[in-house]
């Protein structure tokens, strides 16, 4: 495997054609994101079936991520679709207004805004391109003055500088969408705007109930995009299976300058807590309309890779852009080049660390041994994928292969950095399983005669969490 960092691509009009989707998977997409902010339930079910069908044709595991919309904190519509606001003019955000907006006022999708703000608060609209200062709140009307003007069009988002909007993370629509996502057994469920661990715990309960008829449990990704989530980051991580560094809304709330340091902190903490992490938002934005990225975008993707992110994500670039396939190709190339410059500090990673679980200790022993012996591969025979996940939390130049008999684990491991998931029949005999694993990797050209590799498994075979053995082997 030449690329450790995974690529998440959002499906949309530009990428829903089976031929385009096939090309995307072939050039490097590992996880397909379905954006529940758009489309109906049946649309998502149909797209999920399409992705799985094309993935089978291509012959690679591909995970499906259902991304919930979250609360609609937006302005309403305008008579002419948009208005031009100028600095210094008054402008009213009216929660009771039902008619289309104009140059004086506009309605709100988010009806609680008048109770969430007070005089002096700064509201940022359209990703911070427009800035309003709250002067007074009268009933359901928020009277503001334009500080930074510009074009404001239908349904643009509202953020409060510094955070503080009380909108719940899970809306009634999200709860229905969770049922839809479980109907097609999504591999990852991304929760928008969580403020604390309780939001994620509620999402997990809802997902577990909705998934019960299908005997399916999904992995949860918390999208970190609210100021309030930052002090609760560790608790949110512990309640989730991973996080998404959702830099768009987060940057509007905390300021652009604060985001790079927060990104590094979030990636580091996620890895320390054995969670996955996705870096998202405007990574290759210029390629929506241009065939090549800017140098700043190249540096942005490369830095996320060097920070240790599991995956980098594309949104509008693949959903609605002119060059979806080329964008994925460019992102894959950037990741490979960045990984070549990556430092391996495995010994330092283990200093003063204690591993209380046998299976986790075996995983770390395999990493350490493979690194110092110069093994060609690390092979984890795993039911749940946990052994491969623990291995992937540490930077190592040796590729990790997660061999499993479970289709769900097979797809879920596609998001783990430096892990290549492979399906293998379930076996009860250890020696037979080890021989089958070696034959599989030799058949793929990963291993050749004379190569050494480290392999882990559990004895007796086939019990999740039962990894208790490591062996160093040489191909005959």
Protein backbone atom coordinates (compact mmCIF):
# COMPACT_ATOMS: atom_id res chain seq x y z
CA UNK A 1 0.00 0.00 0.00
CA UNK A 2 1.55 3.29 -1.06
CA UNK A 3 -0.79 5.74 0.72
CA UNK A 4 -1.54 5.63 4.45
CA UNK A 5 -3.91 8.61 4.68
CA UNK A 6 -7.48 7.87 3.61
CA UNK A 7 -9.74 10.01 1.41
CA UNK A 8 -13.39 10.79 2.17
CA UNK A 9 -15.42 12.07 -0.79
CA UNK A 10 -18.91 13.57 -0.71
CA UNK A 11 -21.44 12.24 -3.20
CA UNK A 12 -23.51 14.74 -5.19
CA UNK A 13 -24.65 15.62 -8.72
CA UNK A 14 -21.06 15.62 -10.02
CA UNK A 15 -20.26 12.15 -8.68
CA UNK A 16 -23.50 10.13 -8.60
CA UNK A 17 -23.09 8.74 -12.11
CA UNK A 18 -21.93 5.10 -11.80
CA UNK A 19 -19.02 5.63 -14.22
CA UNK A 20 -17.75 8.71 -12.37
CA UNK A 21 -18.18 6.96 -9.02
CA UNK A 22 -16.21 3.97 -10.28
CA UNK A 23 -13.38 6.24 -11.38
CA UNK A 24 -13.40 7.97 -7.98
CA UNK A 25 -13.06 4.66 -6.16
CA UNK A 26 -10.31 3.50 -8.47
CA UNK A 27 -8.19 6.66 -8.04
CA UNK A 28 -8.34 6.59 -4.26
CA UNK A 29 -11.66 7.23 -2.47
CA UNK A 30 -11.90 5.08 0.67
CA UNK A 31 -15.05 6.46 2.33
CA UNK A 32 -18.12 7.93 0.61
CA UNK A 33 -20.02 10.64 2.49
CA UNK A 34 -23.77 11.04 2.04
CA UNK A 35 -24.78 14.57 3.02
CA UNK A 36 -28.22 14.44 4.68
CA UNK A 37 -28.58 18.24 4.32
CA UNK A 38 -29.75 17.48 0.78
CA UNK A 39 -32.11 14.91 -0.69
CA UNK A 40 -34.82 12.62 0.60
CA UNK A 41 -34.59 9.36 2.51
CA UNK A 42 -35.04 7.17 -0.56
CA UNK A 43 -32.38 9.17 -2.43
CA UNK A 44 -29.82 8.26 0.24
CA UNK A 45 -30.88 4.61 0.28
CA UNK A 46 -30.51 4.45 -3.50
CA UNK A 47 -27.08 6.12 -3.38
CA UNK A 48 -25.91 3.76 -0.65
CA UNK A 49 -26.91 0.78 -2.81
CA UNK A 50 -25.10 2.33 -5.77
CA UNK A 51 -21.89 2.84 -3.77
CA UNK A 52 -21.88 -0.74 -2.49
CA UNK A 53 -22.61 -2.08 -5.98
CA UNK A 54 -19.77 -0.08 -7.58
CA UNK A 55 -17.40 -0.97 -4.72
CA UNK A 56 -18.09 -4.67 -5.36
CA UNK A 57 -17.38 -4.14 -9.05
CA UNK A 58 -14.10 -2.35 -8.31
CA UNK A 59 -13.22 -5.01 -5.74
CA UNK A 60 -12.32 -2.78 -2.81
CA UNK A 61 -13.92 -2.11 0.58
CA UNK A 62 -15.59 1.31 0.80
CA UNK A 63 -17.23 2.69 3.93
CA UNK A 64 -20.43 4.75 3.89
CA UNK A 65 -20.67 7.81 6.12
CA UNK A 66 -24.10 9.33 6.76
CA UNK A 67 -23.63 12.98 7.71
CA UNK A 68 -26.59 14.42 9.64
CA UNK A 69 -27.73 17.96 8.85
CA UNK A 70 -28.07 19.16 12.44
CA UNK A 71 -29.95 22.32 13.43
CA UNK A 72 -30.76 24.79 10.63
CA UNK A 73 -29.27 28.01 12.01
CA UNK A 74 -30.01 30.08 8.91
CA UNK A 75 -31.78 33.12 7.57
CA UNK A 76 -34.90 32.63 5.43
CA UNK A 77 -35.44 33.50 1.78
CA UNK A 78 -35.47 36.89 0.02
CA UNK A 79 -37.92 38.31 -2.52
CA UNK A 80 -35.21 38.53 -5.16
CA UNK A 81 -33.10 35.65 -3.82
CA UNK A 82 -30.52 38.00 -2.30
CA UNK A 83 -29.82 41.51 -1.01
CA UNK A 84 -26.72 43.70 -0.89
CA UNK A 85 -26.03 44.84 2.68
CA UNK A 86 -23.84 47.89 3.19
CA UNK A 87 -21.78 48.75 6.26
CA UNK A 88 -23.63 51.01 8.68
CA UNK A 89 -27.18 50.15 7.63
CA UNK A 90 -29.71 48.64 10.06
CA UNK A 91 -30.96 45.12 9.41
CA UNK A 92 -33.55 43.05 11.29
CA UNK A 93 -33.55 39.28 11.82
CA UNK A 94 -37.20 38.46 12.49
CA UNK A 95 -38.18 35.05 13.89
CA UNK A 96 -41.89 35.70 13.22
CA UNK A 97 -41.57 36.89 9.65
CA UNK A 98 -43.15 34.51 7.12
CA UNK A 99 -42.94 36.59 3.95
CA UNK A 100 -39.68 36.73 1.95
CA UNK A 101 -37.02 39.16 3.15
CA UNK A 102 -35.86 42.45 1.72
CA UNK A 103 -33.18 45.06 2.35
CA UNK A 104 -34.66 45.90 5.77
CA UNK A 105 -35.35 42.47 7.29
CA UNK A 106 -35.42 38.73 6.76
CA UNK A 107 -37.07 35.77 8.48
CA UNK A 108 -35.25 33.00 10.36
CA UNK A 109 -35.22 29.21 10.14
CA UNK A 110 -33.79 29.26 13.66
CA UNK A 111 -36.60 30.65 15.82
CA UNK A 112 -34.64 30.71 19.09
CA UNK A 113 -32.17 33.38 17.96
CA UNK A 114 -33.90 36.27 19.83
CA UNK A 115 -33.41 34.39 23.11
CA UNK A 116 -29.78 33.47 22.39
CA UNK A 117 -28.41 36.96 21.76
CA UNK A 118 -28.10 40.26 23.57
CA UNK A 119 -26.90 43.77 22.67
CA UNK A 120 -23.24 43.81 21.71
CA UNK A 121 -23.15 40.25 20.35
CA UNK A 122 -21.59 39.78 16.93
CA UNK A 123 -23.39 37.60 14.37
CA UNK A 124 -21.50 36.18 11.40
CA UNK A 125 -23.47 35.24 8.30
CA UNK A 126 -22.48 33.32 5.17
CA UNK A 127 -19.34 31.76 6.70
CA UNK A 128 -18.28 35.06 8.25
CA UNK A 129 -18.36 37.11 5.06
CA UNK A 130 -21.05 39.34 6.59
CA UNK A 131 -20.83 40.70 10.13
CA UNK A 132 -23.70 42.18 12.14
CA UNK A 133 -23.69 43.69 15.63
CA UNK A 134 -26.80 43.20 17.78
CA UNK A 135 -28.17 46.56 18.97
CA UNK A 136 -31.44 45.53 20.64
CA UNK A 137 -33.81 42.58 20.88
CA UNK A 138 -37.53 43.43 20.68
CA UNK A 139 -39.75 40.40 21.09
CA UNK A 140 -39.01 38.10 18.16
CA UNK A 141 -36.94 40.70 16.32
CA UNK A 142 -33.17 41.02 16.55
CA UNK A 143 -32.21 44.55 15.46
CA UNK A 144 -28.65 44.69 14.15
CA UNK A 145 -26.30 47.04 12.35
CA UNK A 146 -24.13 45.89 9.47
CA UNK A 147 -20.42 46.06 10.29
CA UNK A 148 -19.14 44.12 7.28
CA UNK A 149 -21.43 44.19 4.26
CA UNK A 150 -21.85 42.07 1.17
CA UNK A 151 -24.34 39.93 -0.72
CA UNK A 152 -26.64 37.92 1.53
CA UNK A 153 -28.66 35.25 -0.28
CA UNK A 154 -31.30 32.68 0.65
CA UNK A 155 -30.77 30.32 3.59
CA UNK A 156 -27.24 31.40 4.49
CA UNK A 157 -25.92 30.22 7.85
CA UNK A 158 -25.73 32.22 11.07
CA UNK A 159 -22.96 31.88 13.66
CA UNK A 160 -22.46 33.77 16.88
CA UNK A 161 -18.87 34.89 17.48
CA UNK A 162 -17.60 33.01 20.52
CA UNK A 163 -20.48 30.54 20.37
CA UNK A 164 -23.52 30.38 22.62
CA UNK A 165 -26.41 29.37 20.37
CA UNK A 166 -28.60 26.87 22.22
CA UNK A 167 -29.76 24.80 19.22
CA UNK A 168 -29.78 21.07 20.08
CA UNK A 169 -27.39 18.85 18.14
CA UNK A 170 -30.14 16.41 17.15
CA UNK A 171 -33.31 17.68 15.50
CA UNK A 172 -36.49 15.75 14.66
CA UNK A 173 -35.19 15.47 11.08
CA UNK A 174 -31.90 14.03 12.33
CA UNK A 175 -33.78 11.39 14.31
CA UNK A 176 -35.65 10.33 11.18
CA UNK A 177 -32.41 10.40 9.19
CA UNK A 178 -30.73 8.09 11.71
CA UNK A 179 -33.45 5.53 10.95
CA UNK A 180 -32.74 5.92 7.23
CA UNK A 181 -28.98 5.57 7.76
CA UNK A 182 -29.48 2.40 9.78
CA UNK A 183 -31.79 1.00 7.08
CA UNK A 184 -28.80 0.87 4.70
CA UNK A 185 -26.41 0.08 7.58
CA UNK A 186 -24.07 3.05 7.32
CA UNK A 187 -20.58 2.33 8.59
CA UNK A 188 -20.11 5.79 10.13
CA UNK A 189 -22.69 8.29 11.38
CA UNK A 190 -21.46 11.90 11.58
CA UNK A 191 -23.26 14.06 14.15
CA UNK A 192 -23.33 17.81 13.44
CA UNK A 193 -22.84 20.50 16.09
CA UNK A 194 -22.46 18.37 19.26
CA UNK A 195 -21.66 20.49 22.31
CA UNK A 196 -20.86 17.75 24.81
CA UNK A 197 -20.66 14.00 25.39
CA UNK A 198 -24.39 13.84 26.16
CA UNK A 199 -25.20 14.80 22.55
CA UNK A 200 -23.10 11.89 21.31
CA UNK A 201 -24.51 9.45 23.87
CA UNK A 202 -28.03 10.35 22.74
CA UNK A 203 -27.06 9.83 19.10
CA UNK A 204 -25.62 6.42 19.95
CA UNK A 205 -28.77 5.36 21.78
CA UNK A 206 -30.93 6.41 18.84
CA UNK A 207 -28.64 4.66 16.36
CA UNK A 208 -28.52 1.46 18.41
CA UNK A 209 -32.32 1.33 18.64
CA UNK A 210 -32.75 2.08 14.93
CA UNK A 211 -30.09 -0.47 14.00
CA UNK A 212 -31.41 -3.28 16.19
CA UNK A 213 -33.75 -4.79 13.54
CA UNK A 214 -30.72 -5.08 11.23
CA UNK A 215 -28.35 -6.27 14.00
CA UNK A 216 -26.18 -3.33 13.07
CA UNK A 217 -24.18 -0.92 15.20
CA UNK A 218 -22.59 2.04 13.51
CA UNK A 219 -19.49 4.02 14.49
CA UNK A 220 -20.08 7.63 15.56
CA UNK A 221 -18.12 10.63 14.32
CA UNK A 222 -18.52 13.91 16.25
CA UNK A 223 -18.18 16.98 14.02
CA UNK A 224 -16.32 19.60 16.04
CA UNK A 225 -17.75 22.89 14.78
CA UNK A 226 -18.96 24.74 17.90
CA UNK A 227 -16.97 26.81 20.36
CA UNK A 228 -18.71 24.98 23.21
CA UNK A 229 -17.29 21.65 22.01
CA UNK A 230 -13.65 22.68 22.53
CA UNK A 231 -13.51 22.52 26.37
CA UNK A 232 -15.51 19.25 26.20
CA UNK A 233 -13.29 17.70 23.53
CA UNK A 234 -11.93 14.80 25.57
CA UNK A 235 -15.37 13.82 26.87
CA UNK A 236 -16.83 14.04 23.34
CA UNK A 237 -14.01 11.85 22.03
CA UNK A 238 -14.56 9.23 24.72
CA UNK A 239 -18.27 9.11 23.83
CA UNK A 240 -17.52 8.77 20.09
CA UNK A 241 -15.53 6.55 17.75
CA UNK A 242 -13.88 9.52 16.12
CA UNK A 243 -14.12 13.22 15.31
CA UNK A 244 -14.23 15.43 12.26
CA UNK A 245 -12.30 18.69 12.37
CA UNK A 246 -15.11 20.66 10.67
CA UNK A 247 -13.14 23.81 10.04
CA UNK A 248 -15.85 25.89 8.35
CA UNK A 249 -18.30 26.65 11.15
CA UNK A 250 -15.57 26.26 13.75
CA UNK A 251 -13.44 28.94 12.10
CA UNK A 252 -16.39 31.34 11.99
CA UNK A 253 -17.02 30.91 15.72
CA UNK A 254 -13.44 30.89 17.05
CA UNK A 255 -11.75 32.90 14.30
CA UNK A 256 -9.64 31.66 11.39
CA UNK A 257 -6.34 32.22 13.21
CA UNK A 258 -7.23 29.81 16.02
CA UNK A 259 -8.10 26.86 13.76
CA UNK A 260 -4.64 25.50 12.77
CA UNK A 261 -3.56 25.04 16.41
CA UNK A 262 -6.94 23.53 17.29
CA UNK A 263 -6.64 21.13 14.36
CA UNK A 264 -3.27 19.87 15.60
CA UNK A 265 -4.59 19.53 19.15
CA UNK A 266 -7.68 17.59 18.02
CA UNK A 267 -5.69 15.20 15.83
CA UNK A 268 -3.17 14.57 18.61
CA UNK A 269 -5.85 13.95 21.23
CA UNK A 270 -7.84 11.64 18.97
CA UNK A 271 -4.78 9.48 18.32
CA UNK A 272 -3.88 9.38 22.01
CA UNK A 273 -7.40 8.16 22.85
CA UNK A 274 -7.41 5.53 20.07
CA UNK A 275 -10.05 7.35 18.02
CA UNK A 276 -10.12 8.15 14.30
CA UNK A 277 -9.98 11.71 12.99
CA UNK A 278 -11.04 13.33 9.70
CA UNK A 279 -9.85 16.77 8.60
CA UNK A 280 -12.48 18.54 6.51
CA UNK A 281 -13.72 21.73 4.84
CA UNK A 282 -12.28 23.66 1.91
CA UNK A 283 -9.22 21.43 1.53
CA UNK A 284 -9.21 21.69 -2.29
CA UNK A 285 -11.89 24.36 -2.71
CA UNK A 286 -10.41 25.96 -5.82
CA UNK A 287 -10.75 22.67 -7.70
CA UNK A 288 -14.53 23.09 -7.75
CA UNK A 289 -13.83 25.19 -10.85
CA UNK A 290 -10.09 24.77 -11.55
CA UNK A 291 -8.21 21.67 -12.77
CA UNK A 292 -5.29 22.16 -10.33
CA UNK A 293 -5.16 23.18 -6.64
CA UNK A 294 -3.50 26.28 -5.26
CA UNK A 295 -0.16 25.95 -3.45
CA UNK A 296 -1.90 26.96 -0.22
CA UNK A 297 -4.34 24.04 -0.62
CA UNK A 298 -1.48 21.64 -1.29
CA UNK A 299 0.20 22.81 1.92
CA UNK A 300 -3.08 22.53 3.84
CA UNK A 301 -3.60 18.89 2.85
CA UNK A 302 0.07 18.05 3.44
CA UNK A 303 0.05 19.60 6.90
CA UNK A 304 -3.05 17.63 7.91
CA UNK A 305 -1.27 14.46 6.77
CA UNK A 306 1.86 15.39 8.73
CA UNK A 307 -0.30 16.11 11.77
CA UNK A 308 -1.40 12.47 11.63
CA UNK A 309 -5.00 12.72 10.47
CA UNK A 310 -6.60 9.43 9.44
CA UNK A 311 -8.41 11.00 6.51
CA UNK A 312 -8.78 14.18 4.51
CA UNK A 313 -12.24 15.02 3.23
CA UNK A 314 -13.68 16.57 0.08
CA UNK A 315 -17.11 18.22 0.09
CA UNK A 316 -18.30 20.39 -2.80
CA UNK A 317 -15.14 19.45 -4.72
CA UNK A 318 -16.54 15.99 -5.47
CA UNK A 319 -20.25 16.67 -4.88
CA UNK A 320 -20.66 19.55 -7.32
CA UNK A 321 -17.25 20.40 -8.77
CA UNK A 322 -16.11 20.25 -12.39
CA UNK A 323 -13.13 18.00 -11.65
CA UNK A 324 -14.10 15.40 -9.01
CA UNK A 325 -11.78 12.64 -10.26
CA UNK A 326 -8.83 14.97 -10.78
CA UNK A 327 -9.32 16.40 -7.28
CA UNK A 328 -9.06 12.95 -5.69
CA UNK A 329 -5.98 12.16 -7.80
CA UNK A 330 -4.29 15.37 -6.67
CA UNK A 331 -5.19 14.78 -3.02
CA UNK A 332 -3.81 11.24 -3.15
CA UNK A 333 -0.53 12.46 -4.65
CA UNK A 334 -0.15 15.16 -1.99
CA UNK A 335 -0.75 12.63 0.78
CA UNK A 336 1.87 10.22 -0.59
CA UNK A 337 4.49 12.96 -0.84
CA UNK A 338 3.77 14.24 2.67
CA UNK A 339 3.99 10.73 4.13
CA UNK A 340 7.48 10.30 2.67
CA UNK A 341 8.65 13.17 4.86
CA UNK A 342 6.98 11.81 7.98
CA UNK A 343 9.15 11.08 11.02
CA UNK A 344 8.73 7.77 12.83
CA UNK A 345 9.08 8.20 16.61
CA UNK A 346 7.75 4.85 17.68
CA UNK A 347 10.13 4.36 20.62
CA UNK A 348 9.17 7.77 22.02
CA UNK A 349 5.48 6.88 21.63
CA UNK A 350 5.89 3.94 24.00
CA UNK A 351 8.01 5.68 26.63
CA UNK A 352 6.27 5.75 30.04
CA UNK A 353 3.11 4.20 28.55
CA UNK A 354 1.33 1.28 30.14
CA UNK A 355 -0.97 -1.15 28.40
CA UNK A 356 -3.42 -2.88 30.71
CA UNK A 357 -5.12 -5.05 28.07
CA UNK A 358 -3.50 -8.17 26.67
CA UNK A 359 -4.80 -7.54 23.13
CA UNK A 360 -3.57 -3.95 23.10
CA UNK A 361 -0.16 -5.01 24.45
CA UNK A 362 0.14 -7.58 21.67
CA UNK A 363 -0.71 -4.92 19.07
CA UNK A 364 1.99 -2.62 20.42
CA UNK A 365 4.52 -5.47 20.55
CA UNK A 366 3.86 -6.20 16.87
CA UNK A 367 4.45 -2.55 15.96
CA UNK A 368 7.69 -2.34 17.95
CA UNK A 369 9.04 -5.62 16.60
CA UNK A 370 8.13 -4.91 12.97
CA UNK A 371 9.72 -1.46 13.16
CA UNK A 372 13.03 -2.69 14.56
CA UNK A 373 13.25 -5.82 12.41
CA UNK A 374 12.34 -3.98 9.22
CA UNK A 375 9.37 -6.24 8.48
CA UNK A 376 7.59 -5.92 5.14
CA UNK A 377 4.13 -5.99 6.74
CA UNK A 378 2.16 -6.26 9.95
CA UNK A 379 -0.82 -8.59 9.77
CA UNK A 380 -3.67 -8.46 12.27
CA UNK A 381 -6.23 -11.27 12.25
CA UNK A 382 -9.11 -9.39 13.81
CA UNK A 383 -12.86 -9.80 14.23
CA UNK A 384 -13.72 -6.31 15.45
CA UNK A 385 -10.86 -4.38 13.85
CA UNK A 386 -9.66 -3.06 17.23
CA UNK A 387 -6.15 -4.51 16.92
CA UNK A 388 -5.66 -2.76 13.58
CA UNK A 389 -7.06 0.48 15.03
CA UNK A 390 -4.58 0.46 17.93
CA UNK A 391 -1.69 -0.21 15.57
CA UNK A 392 -2.79 2.63 13.29
CA UNK A 393 -2.55 5.21 16.10
CA UNK A 394 1.24 5.20 15.76
CA UNK A 395 3.26 6.37 12.78
CA UNK A 396 5.20 3.53 11.20
CA UNK A 397 6.47 3.00 7.67
CA UNK A 398 5.39 -0.66 7.72
CA UNK A 399 1.94 -1.23 6.15
CA UNK A 400 -0.71 -2.81 8.38
CA UNK A 401 -3.15 -5.38 6.99
CA UNK A 402 -6.37 -6.01 8.88
CA UNK A 403 -7.70 -9.47 7.98
CA UNK A 404 -11.26 -10.15 9.07
CA UNK A 405 -14.22 -12.37 8.31
CA UNK A 406 -16.68 -9.62 9.29
CA UNK A 407 -17.97 -7.38 6.42
CA UNK A 408 -18.73 -4.55 8.86
CA UNK A 409 -15.18 -4.56 10.28
CA UNK A 410 -13.83 -4.85 6.74
CA UNK A 411 -15.54 -1.61 5.70
CA UNK A 412 -14.93 0.23 8.96
CA UNK A 413 -11.17 -0.30 8.75
CA UNK A 414 -11.07 1.65 5.47
CA UNK A 415 -10.92 4.84 7.56
CA UNK A 416 -7.94 3.74 9.70
CA UNK A 417 -4.66 5.34 8.72
CA UNK A 418 -2.08 2.96 7.22
CA UNK A 419 -4.48 -0.01 7.41
CA UNK A 420 -5.45 -2.09 4.38
CA UNK A 421 -8.52 -4.22 5.19
CA UNK A 422 -8.82 -7.65 3.62
CA UNK A 423 -11.56 -10.28 3.86
CA UNK A 424 -10.56 -13.77 4.97
CA UNK A 425 -12.80 -16.77 5.76
CA UNK A 426 -13.44 -17.46 9.43
CA UNK A 427 -11.28 -20.33 10.68
CA UNK A 428 -11.09 -22.17 13.97
CA UNK A 429 -7.65 -23.69 13.46
CA UNK A 430 -4.85 -21.24 14.25
CA UNK A 431 -2.14 -22.77 12.06
CA UNK A 432 -4.52 -23.01 9.12
CA UNK A 433 -5.49 -19.34 9.58
CA UNK A 434 -1.85 -18.20 9.75
CA UNK A 435 -1.02 -20.15 6.59
CA UNK A 436 -4.06 -18.71 4.80
CA UNK A 437 -3.08 -15.16 5.81
CA UNK A 438 0.44 -15.59 4.45
CA UNK A 439 -0.84 -17.10 1.22
CA UNK A 440 -3.26 -14.21 0.78
CA UNK A 441 -0.51 -11.57 1.10
CA UNK A 442 1.87 -13.52 -1.13
CA UNK A 443 -0.89 -13.77 -3.72
CA UNK A 444 -1.36 -10.00 -3.61
CA UNK A 445 2.36 -9.42 -4.09
CA UNK A 446 2.77 -7.83 -0.67
CA UNK A 447 5.11 -10.58 0.54
CA UNK A 448 7.78 -12.48 -1.35
CA UNK A 449 10.05 -15.40 -0.43
CA UNK A 450 12.51 -14.30 2.24
CA UNK A 451 10.36 -11.43 3.54
CA UNK A 452 9.66 -11.21 7.25
CA UNK A 453 6.35 -10.04 8.72
CA UNK A 454 4.70 -9.80 12.13
CA UNK A 455 1.29 -11.38 12.62
CA UNK A 456 -1.17 -11.23 15.53
CA UNK A 457 -4.20 -13.36 16.32
CA UNK A 458 -6.26 -14.74 19.18
CA UNK A 459 -6.35 -18.27 20.50
CA UNK A 460 -8.93 -19.75 20.47
CA UNK A 461 -9.75 -18.16 17.13
CA UNK A 462 -12.79 -16.02 16.30
CA UNK A 463 -13.45 -14.19 19.58
CA UNK A 464 -13.57 -10.35 19.42
CA UNK A 465 -11.07 -8.82 21.83
CA UNK A 466 -9.18 -12.12 22.11
CA UNK A 467 -5.87 -11.19 20.44
CA UNK A 468 -3.21 -12.80 22.64
CA UNK A 469 -0.46 -13.97 20.30
CA UNK A 470 2.20 -12.42 18.08
CA UNK A 471 4.53 -14.30 15.76
CA UNK A 472 7.36 -13.13 13.50
CA UNK A 473 7.41 -15.19 10.30
CA UNK A 474 9.57 -15.47 7.20
CA UNK A 475 8.09 -16.42 3.86
CA UNK A 476 9.65 -19.65 2.63
